Protein backbone atom coordinates (compact mmCIF):
# COMPACT_ATOMS: atom_id res chain seq x y z
CA MET A 1 -26.67 4.94 151.90
CA LYS A 2 -27.54 8.44 150.84
CA LYS A 3 -25.86 9.67 147.06
CA LYS A 4 -23.64 12.59 146.93
CA ASP A 5 -26.18 16.22 145.53
CA LYS A 6 -23.79 16.07 142.14
CA HIS A 7 -22.91 20.07 140.79
CA GLY A 8 -22.92 19.56 137.41
CA ALA A 9 -22.53 16.52 135.02
CA ASN A 10 -19.52 14.31 135.57
CA LEU A 11 -17.82 15.23 132.64
CA PHE A 12 -15.40 12.28 132.61
CA ASP A 13 -18.49 9.25 133.05
CA LEU A 14 -19.39 11.37 129.27
CA GLN A 15 -15.94 10.54 128.02
CA ARG A 16 -16.68 7.22 128.54
CA LYS A 17 -20.00 7.03 127.75
CA TYR A 18 -19.51 8.95 124.29
CA GLY A 19 -15.76 9.46 123.82
CA PHE A 20 -16.35 12.89 124.36
CA ALA A 21 -13.48 15.30 125.22
CA PRO A 22 -14.93 17.34 128.64
CA GLU A 23 -13.53 20.86 127.06
CA GLU A 24 -16.23 19.48 124.18
CA ILE A 25 -19.29 19.23 126.40
CA MET A 26 -22.12 22.04 126.54
CA ASP A 27 -22.71 21.48 130.82
CA PHE A 28 -25.99 23.36 131.45
CA SER A 29 -26.30 21.70 134.45
CA SER A 30 -23.52 23.13 136.79
CA ASN A 31 -24.53 27.58 137.08
CA ILE A 32 -21.28 28.45 136.54
CA ASN A 33 -20.33 31.94 135.05
CA PRO A 34 -19.24 30.66 131.60
CA LEU A 35 -16.39 33.30 130.89
CA GLY A 36 -14.06 31.76 133.41
CA PRO A 37 -12.04 32.81 136.85
CA SER A 38 -10.92 37.05 136.49
CA SER A 39 -7.98 37.20 134.69
CA LEU A 40 -6.91 40.06 136.26
CA ALA A 41 -6.53 37.84 139.64
CA LEU A 42 -5.20 35.08 137.12
CA SER A 43 -2.88 37.11 136.34
CA HIS A 44 -0.71 38.10 139.67
CA LEU A 45 -1.46 34.83 139.97
CA LYS A 46 0.53 33.08 137.60
CA GLU A 47 3.10 35.64 138.79
CA GLU A 48 3.41 34.60 142.22
CA LEU A 49 3.30 30.37 141.38
CA ASP A 50 6.53 30.45 142.97
CA LYS A 51 4.36 31.19 146.55
CA VAL A 52 3.37 27.16 146.48
CA SER A 53 6.46 27.00 148.94
CA VAL A 54 4.90 29.72 150.82
CA TYR A 55 2.09 28.85 153.85
CA PRO A 56 -0.51 31.38 153.12
CA ASP A 57 -0.80 34.17 155.91
CA PRO A 58 -2.71 32.51 159.01
CA ASP A 59 -4.86 35.70 160.22
CA TYR A 60 -6.02 35.92 155.77
CA VAL A 61 -5.60 39.93 156.78
CA LYS A 62 -5.74 40.91 152.86
CA LEU A 63 -8.03 38.13 151.46
CA LYS A 64 -10.73 39.00 154.21
CA LYS A 65 -10.24 43.04 153.19
CA ALA A 66 -10.81 42.23 150.07
CA ILE A 67 -13.96 40.66 150.49
CA GLY A 68 -15.33 43.01 153.24
CA THR A 69 -14.65 46.12 150.42
CA TYR A 70 -17.13 43.50 147.39
CA ALA A 71 -19.22 42.74 150.16
CA HIS A 72 -20.02 46.23 151.81
CA CYS A 73 -19.12 44.28 155.36
CA GLN A 74 -16.60 44.89 158.38
CA GLU A 75 -13.71 42.73 157.78
CA ASP A 76 -14.35 41.16 161.70
CA SER A 77 -17.89 40.04 160.94
CA ILE A 78 -16.52 37.61 157.75
CA VAL A 79 -15.85 33.74 158.44
CA LEU A 80 -13.87 32.05 156.15
CA GLY A 81 -13.94 28.31 154.73
CA SER A 82 -13.61 25.59 152.00
CA GLY A 83 -16.78 26.12 149.66
CA THR A 84 -20.61 27.03 151.89
CA THR A 85 -21.16 23.58 152.87
CA HIS A 86 -17.95 23.80 155.34
CA LEU A 87 -19.26 26.98 156.61
CA ILE A 88 -23.41 25.47 156.43
CA ALA A 89 -22.45 22.60 158.02
CA ASP A 90 -20.26 23.84 160.42
CA TYR A 91 -23.51 26.65 161.91
CA ILE A 92 -25.91 23.81 161.72
CA ARG A 93 -23.91 22.43 163.82
CA ILE A 94 -22.97 25.10 166.11
CA ILE A 95 -26.15 26.40 166.78
CA GLY A 96 -28.38 22.82 166.91
CA PRO A 97 -31.71 23.86 165.76
CA LYS A 98 -34.88 22.00 167.19
CA ARG A 99 -36.69 22.27 164.10
CA ALA A 100 -35.88 24.24 160.82
CA LEU A 101 -37.64 25.04 157.94
CA LEU A 102 -36.70 24.47 154.65
CA ASN A 103 -38.51 25.97 151.02
CA SER A 104 -39.11 23.24 148.58
CA PRO A 105 -37.94 22.32 146.79
CA CYS A 106 -34.51 23.71 147.63
CA TYR A 107 -30.39 22.06 147.08
CA SER A 108 -30.45 19.02 149.26
CA GLU A 109 -27.09 19.64 151.39
CA TYR A 110 -29.08 21.66 154.11
CA GLN A 111 -31.41 18.69 154.79
CA ASN A 112 -28.65 16.75 155.02
CA GLU A 113 -26.77 18.77 157.41
CA LEU A 114 -29.24 18.88 159.70
CA GLU A 115 -30.94 15.58 160.11
CA LYS A 116 -26.92 15.05 161.23
CA GLN A 117 -28.14 17.50 164.55
CA GLY A 118 -31.60 16.09 164.48
CA SER A 119 -33.24 18.59 163.35
CA MET A 120 -37.11 17.79 162.80
CA ILE A 121 -37.42 19.26 159.17
CA TYR A 122 -40.52 21.34 157.76
CA TYR A 123 -40.87 22.29 154.58
CA TYR A 124 -42.60 25.60 153.08
CA ASP A 125 -43.83 23.82 149.72
CA LEU A 126 -43.25 26.53 146.52
CA ASP A 127 -46.18 26.78 144.21
CA TYR A 128 -45.57 26.09 140.78
CA SER A 129 -49.19 27.66 139.42
CA LYS A 130 -48.06 30.62 141.66
CA ASP A 131 -44.44 30.81 139.72
CA PHE A 132 -43.10 30.12 143.09
CA VAL A 133 -43.21 32.69 144.60
CA ILE A 134 -42.21 32.82 148.36
CA ASP A 135 -45.02 34.91 150.37
CA VAL A 136 -43.75 36.19 153.04
CA GLU A 137 -46.70 36.80 155.01
CA GLU A 138 -46.76 32.60 154.92
CA VAL A 139 -43.80 31.93 155.75
CA ILE A 140 -44.54 34.23 159.19
CA THR A 141 -47.36 32.43 159.61
CA TYR A 142 -45.28 29.25 159.03
CA ILE A 143 -42.22 29.90 161.40
CA ARG A 144 -45.01 31.17 164.34
CA LYS A 145 -48.00 27.61 164.22
CA HIS A 146 -44.19 25.58 164.16
CA ASN A 147 -42.13 26.77 166.91
CA ILE A 148 -39.46 27.38 164.38
CA ASP A 149 -35.98 27.82 165.28
CA LEU A 150 -33.58 28.31 162.62
CA TYR A 151 -34.88 28.85 158.44
CA VAL A 152 -32.66 28.12 156.19
CA LEU A 153 -32.94 29.95 152.46
CA THR A 154 -31.02 30.14 149.09
CA ASN A 155 -31.19 33.39 147.70
CA PRO A 156 -32.12 33.28 144.97
CA ASN A 157 -33.09 30.02 144.76
CA ASN A 158 -31.84 26.46 143.51
CA PRO A 159 -33.44 25.51 141.33
CA THR A 160 -36.53 27.85 140.68
CA GLY A 161 -34.92 30.58 140.86
CA THR A 162 -36.97 33.15 143.19
CA ILE A 163 -36.17 35.74 145.61
CA LEU A 164 -36.70 37.92 148.87
CA THR A 165 -35.23 41.56 148.84
CA ILE A 166 -33.42 42.68 151.73
CA GLU A 167 -37.22 44.62 153.42
CA GLU A 168 -39.17 41.03 153.54
CA ILE A 169 -36.51 39.00 154.70
CA GLN A 170 -35.64 41.69 157.37
CA LYS A 171 -40.13 41.90 158.23
CA ILE A 172 -39.58 37.53 158.48
CA LEU A 173 -36.60 38.18 161.43
CA GLU A 174 -38.78 41.16 163.16
CA GLU A 175 -40.95 39.66 163.15
CA THR A 176 -40.47 35.70 164.38
CA GLY A 177 -37.49 35.48 165.76
CA VAL A 178 -36.05 32.98 163.67
CA LYS A 179 -32.48 32.52 162.98
CA MET A 180 -32.00 32.69 159.43
CA LEU A 181 -29.01 30.99 157.01
CA ILE A 182 -29.00 32.58 154.42
CA ASP A 183 -26.86 31.20 151.20
CA GLU A 184 -26.09 33.66 148.13
CA THR A 185 -24.27 31.58 145.77
CA TYR A 186 -26.32 33.02 143.01
CA ILE A 187 -26.69 36.62 144.41
CA GLU A 188 -24.04 38.05 141.87
CA PHE A 189 -26.25 37.49 139.30
CA THR A 190 -28.76 40.47 140.39
CA ASP A 191 -29.52 43.07 141.68
CA ILE A 192 -27.16 42.82 144.74
CA GLU A 193 -28.50 46.48 146.46
CA LYS A 194 -31.73 45.40 146.30
CA TYR A 195 -31.54 41.94 147.62
CA SER A 196 -28.41 40.65 149.15
CA CYS A 197 -28.03 40.78 153.36
CA THR A 198 -24.53 40.83 154.00
CA THR A 199 -25.68 44.51 155.49
CA LEU A 200 -27.96 42.62 157.28
CA ALA A 201 -26.11 40.30 159.13
CA GLN A 202 -24.05 42.67 160.73
CA SER A 203 -27.50 43.91 162.62
CA HIS A 204 -29.09 41.36 163.12
CA PRO A 205 -26.79 37.89 164.84
CA GLY A 206 -29.92 35.99 164.71
CA LEU A 207 -28.54 36.23 160.61
CA LEU A 208 -25.37 34.09 158.87
CA VAL A 209 -24.84 34.87 155.09
CA VAL A 210 -22.88 32.50 153.11
CA ARG A 211 -21.30 32.54 149.51
CA SER A 212 -19.35 31.09 147.22
CA THR A 213 -16.79 31.84 145.00
CA SER A 214 -17.47 28.86 142.36
CA LYS A 215 -20.43 29.98 139.98
CA PHE A 216 -19.61 33.88 140.01
CA PHE A 217 -15.85 34.07 139.79
CA SER A 218 -16.42 30.35 137.81
CA THR A 219 -14.04 29.52 140.38
CA PRO A 220 -15.20 25.62 142.02
CA GLY A 221 -11.65 24.24 142.27
CA ILE A 222 -10.20 26.60 144.95
CA ARG A 223 -12.70 25.87 147.35
CA LEU A 224 -13.06 29.28 148.84
CA GLY A 225 -16.11 30.28 150.92
CA TYR A 226 -17.36 33.13 152.77
CA GLY A 227 -19.42 33.88 155.58
CA ILE A 228 -20.98 37.62 157.67
CA ILE A 229 -22.18 36.94 160.88
CA SER A 230 -22.62 39.61 164.41
CA HIS A 231 -22.64 36.80 166.48
CA ASP A 232 -20.09 36.89 168.47
CA GLU A 233 -20.12 33.75 170.10
CA VAL A 234 -21.42 31.85 167.28
CA LYS A 235 -19.08 33.57 165.29
CA GLN A 236 -16.00 33.12 167.58
CA GLU A 237 -16.55 28.82 168.14
CA MET A 238 -17.05 29.34 163.79
CA ASN A 239 -13.42 30.71 164.02
CA GLN A 240 -11.61 28.10 166.41
CA ASN A 241 -13.36 25.29 163.81
CA PHE A 242 -11.53 26.96 160.61
CA ASN A 243 -8.76 24.80 160.57
CA LEU A 244 -5.17 26.33 160.74
CA TRP A 245 -4.30 27.30 156.75
CA SER A 246 -7.88 25.82 155.32
CA ILE A 247 -7.63 28.48 152.50
CA ASN A 248 -4.88 27.44 150.09
CA ILE A 249 -2.29 30.10 149.03
CA PHE A 250 -3.97 29.93 145.69
CA ALA A 251 -7.58 31.14 146.58
CA ASP A 252 -5.92 33.65 148.87
CA ILE A 253 -4.45 35.04 146.16
CA LEU A 254 -7.22 34.96 144.19
CA GLY A 255 -8.93 36.81 146.52
CA GLN A 256 -7.10 39.59 147.05
CA TYR A 257 -7.53 40.78 143.37
CA MET A 258 -11.00 39.42 141.94
CA PHE A 259 -12.67 40.37 144.53
CA TYR A 260 -11.20 44.39 143.36
CA ASP A 261 -11.71 43.54 139.72
CA LYS A 262 -15.26 45.06 138.57
CA GLU A 263 -14.78 44.69 135.32
CA TYR A 264 -15.00 41.65 135.80
CA GLN A 265 -17.50 41.38 138.02
CA ASN A 266 -20.07 43.86 135.08
CA ASN A 267 -19.07 41.78 132.17
CA VAL A 268 -20.32 38.73 134.22
CA TYR A 269 -23.69 40.12 135.13
CA GLU A 270 -23.92 41.94 131.39
CA HIS A 271 -23.72 38.35 129.48
CA ILE A 272 -25.95 36.22 131.85
CA GLN A 273 -28.68 39.16 132.00
CA ARG A 274 -28.24 39.49 128.27
CA GLU A 275 -28.16 35.69 127.35
CA LYS A 276 -30.82 34.45 130.62
CA ASP A 277 -33.08 37.90 128.90
CA ARG A 278 -32.96 36.16 125.01
CA MET A 279 -33.46 32.55 125.89
CA VAL A 280 -36.69 33.09 127.93
CA LYS A 281 -38.16 34.88 125.61
CA SER A 282 -37.92 32.41 122.84
CA LEU A 283 -38.78 29.27 124.79
CA SER A 284 -41.96 31.62 126.25
CA SER A 285 -43.30 31.15 122.90
CA LEU A 286 -43.05 27.36 122.61
CA LYS A 287 -46.96 26.01 123.97
CA ASP A 288 -45.17 23.18 125.61
CA ILE A 289 -42.47 24.43 127.56
CA LYS A 290 -43.67 26.99 131.19
CA VAL A 291 -40.82 29.08 130.78
CA TYR A 292 -40.07 30.17 135.28
CA PRO A 293 -39.28 33.85 135.63
CA SER A 294 -35.01 33.35 137.87
CA TYR A 295 -33.20 35.87 139.52
CA GLY A 296 -30.26 33.31 139.51
CA ASN A 297 -28.24 32.21 135.60
CA PHE A 298 -30.12 29.48 135.32
CA VAL A 299 -34.07 28.74 134.42
CA LEU A 300 -36.44 26.26 136.07
CA CYS A 301 -38.64 24.27 132.64
CA GLN A 302 -42.02 22.26 132.29
CA ILE A 303 -42.07 20.30 129.84
CA LEU A 304 -46.28 20.15 128.95
CA LYS A 305 -45.69 18.19 125.90
CA ASP A 306 -48.44 15.11 127.45
CA GLY A 307 -45.32 11.89 127.23
CA VAL A 308 -42.77 13.57 127.38
CA THR A 309 -40.20 13.83 130.29
CA ALA A 310 -37.13 15.71 130.79
CA LYS A 311 -34.84 12.25 131.77
CA GLU A 312 -35.93 11.80 127.78
CA LEU A 313 -35.29 15.51 126.99
CA ARG A 314 -31.72 15.13 128.96
CA GLU A 315 -30.82 12.04 126.95
CA THR A 316 -31.61 13.21 123.66
CA LEU A 317 -29.31 16.44 124.42
CA LEU A 318 -26.24 14.27 125.57
CA PRO A 319 -25.39 12.88 121.70
CA HIS A 320 -24.55 16.56 121.08
CA LYS A 321 -22.60 17.44 123.99
CA MET A 322 -25.22 19.65 125.83
CA VAL A 323 -26.39 18.50 129.14
CA ILE A 324 -28.97 19.32 130.79
CA ARG A 325 -30.32 18.73 135.03
CA ASP A 326 -32.74 16.47 135.21
CA CYS A 327 -35.15 18.14 137.97
CA VAL A 328 -36.85 14.64 139.24
CA THR A 329 -34.86 14.63 142.63
CA PHE A 330 -35.78 17.77 144.04
CA LYS A 331 -38.94 17.77 147.01
CA ASN A 332 -42.40 18.84 145.09
CA LEU A 333 -40.60 18.65 141.76
CA ASP A 334 -41.83 15.95 138.79
CA SER A 335 -40.15 14.62 136.01
CA SER A 336 -41.43 17.01 133.49
CA PHE A 337 -39.02 19.86 134.98
CA PHE A 338 -36.33 20.58 134.01
CA ARG A 339 -33.05 23.08 134.16
CA PHE A 340 -30.86 25.31 132.36
CA CYS A 341 -27.79 27.85 133.29
CA ILE A 342 -26.32 30.09 131.25
CA LEU A 343 -23.70 30.08 128.67
CA SER A 344 -21.69 31.46 125.74
CA THR A 345 -23.68 32.85 122.85
CA LYS A 346 -23.03 30.27 121.04
CA ALA A 347 -23.29 27.21 123.34
CA ASN A 348 -27.20 29.01 124.07
CA GLU A 349 -27.71 29.56 120.86
CA LYS A 350 -26.85 25.68 119.99
CA LEU A 351 -29.57 24.67 123.04
CA LEU A 352 -32.16 27.14 121.77
CA HIS A 353 -32.16 25.96 118.29
CA HIS A 354 -32.57 21.81 119.66
CA LEU A 355 -34.79 23.25 122.13
CA LEU A 356 -36.91 24.31 119.31
CA GLN A 357 -36.87 21.90 116.86
CA ILE A 358 -38.15 19.72 119.64
CA PHE A 359 -40.95 20.79 120.97
CA ASN A 360 -41.93 22.37 117.47
CA ASP A 361 -42.01 19.02 115.55
């Protein structure tokens, strides 16, 4: 049996092993916005807690209106899901691709869902010597050569942080006719106008764009995901497969407010950019660490020092209540790669202090 992909550290395991309280642990492995949910949305939720006794609107009219405004898309192009994993699995099942292309490395759940459908999976290997940059012309050639039905792209990619522009994605779509599933889980941590394909999805029937609220909005507990698609038949089937009231009342309420909270969204974006730039600048000064450019809220690094692995680094940091991601389980990465996400300024300073201490010895 395959192990399920873990989203960050198991805080309960660490609590049992080290005696830490979960709130003491600085989880640099989870990629969740450290500023927490929108206080505006939470305040409205507190005022409406009595709605726990009320069924949600089965059509989610107010929620879809908020998403449409936020994501610059028509409300009738929106499909809802209990997280993006549900939407990804449903889309792959509906279109049943015979040949699918994944970037390598990438999030493992795509492979799991494609294998369930018996799809033949191809991999476009991202080259660390080229900073994992995706060569659009190479991808187009690869899709044509192998008759690819579906190209799955995380944009920005996890764990490499690499990205494609709207124009580059449009070029792939128009020159190959391939169907695309674009996972924009981390898109809000970068320039949305330059990179997000929510508007493109409304003019290209072969494109589904999915987004999560777990990372940017710091709400993994509400399990709210959404997609944008213009293909009428596929959209209709996805909506038919959406169980009545799958989005609970609290997710519905939070969504109605957090998507409108521009001040909160700007604060999250600015914090991540400022802290990421500071961390990258400091770590790039170390000769024993290679820091790769990232458009996400996380940074991929490679240990260049002989005899030191990411697993050993992780174990060294654990007693200090810090958890990084050992990336050896990702395809196309080895034991020298690790990833960390951006947390609070205080937590980032502590991680930076220990990394500088370890690799300056």
